[in-house]
């Protein structure tokens, strides 16, 4: 868009300068053949001015087209089509109204354009808002069609984590799933890594994207992200979520905080997992296998079936054995839950 705009306006500027040169007596002022050089100079100046104007206008058009594209993504196809039809009808009505407006003394010609724009906008707006009823009137039944749901932007950490796929399959995460192309690029880079473990994680992440596409119950889209002023992927994801009025699905603690500060709703898979873990209260007795020593003196460490870590004070001697422990305290933080216990009496 930017290159085409610059070339087009450079051509128009050069042609305009060439036409304007005929209004000046260049041959009389510079003589022959120098007037041709003067004409060429005017054409070059006109082309340069057109090139600069085309660059400014091209950037503006690119931003506007991107905004229209993002707005279209949030609207169903039926609404867009009926809205376009309403715009055409509105323009036809505006033409008829324009004949009456032109008859007004003095102000008629000045009111014509505002009246046309207002009538066209009103008709397109009403058609878009009532598109379901209009489609039914022409015999297109929309009963049973699901309305457009919320939009969810999925980041790299949530895909590699893998649990989001199961959440989507269980219908606890509905709406349209959007995977930005920069996320796919990150997964591709991990899949191409020379490290065996990273390569396996990257390939698994790409497989999980296919599973998300198959499991999405509100639509799935791979979206191109184009923000020339942003270099970091996390910042791109936050901007995309803002533009789409979407939620951001992640397991990244830092991205979670940054997005919340900027007003983006965050769905953290870790927080969901913590919320679903059984509540454990001090004084309860649990049976756990102590699998290793802890960091502090005379500590043992075990895990519940859901992965919750249990630190057993005085459990060093219990390493490798199943033991009953009594809960003394529970530590809850954004990265997970940790239970402190002691051997049961």
Foldseek 3Di string as FASTA:
>chain_A
DLVVLLQVQLVVQLVVQLVVLVVDPLCVVPNPPCSVVVSVVSSNVRSVVRNVVSNVVVVVVVVVVVLVVLVVVQADPLLVVQLVVQLVVQQVVLVVVLVVLCPDPPCSVVCSVVSSVVSSVVSSVVRSVCSQVVCVVVPNHPPPPDDADFEEEEALQVLLVPVVLVCLLVVVDAGEYEYEVVRLVVLVVQLPDPDPVSVVSSVSSVVSLVSCQVRHPRYYYYHYQDDVVDDDPLVSSLVSCVSNVHAYEHQDPVSCVVSVVVPHHYDHVLVVLQVPDDDDDFFDKDKWAFAAADPDPQWTWTADPSGAIEIERNCHVRHGHIAIWGWHDWDDDSNHIHTYTYGDD
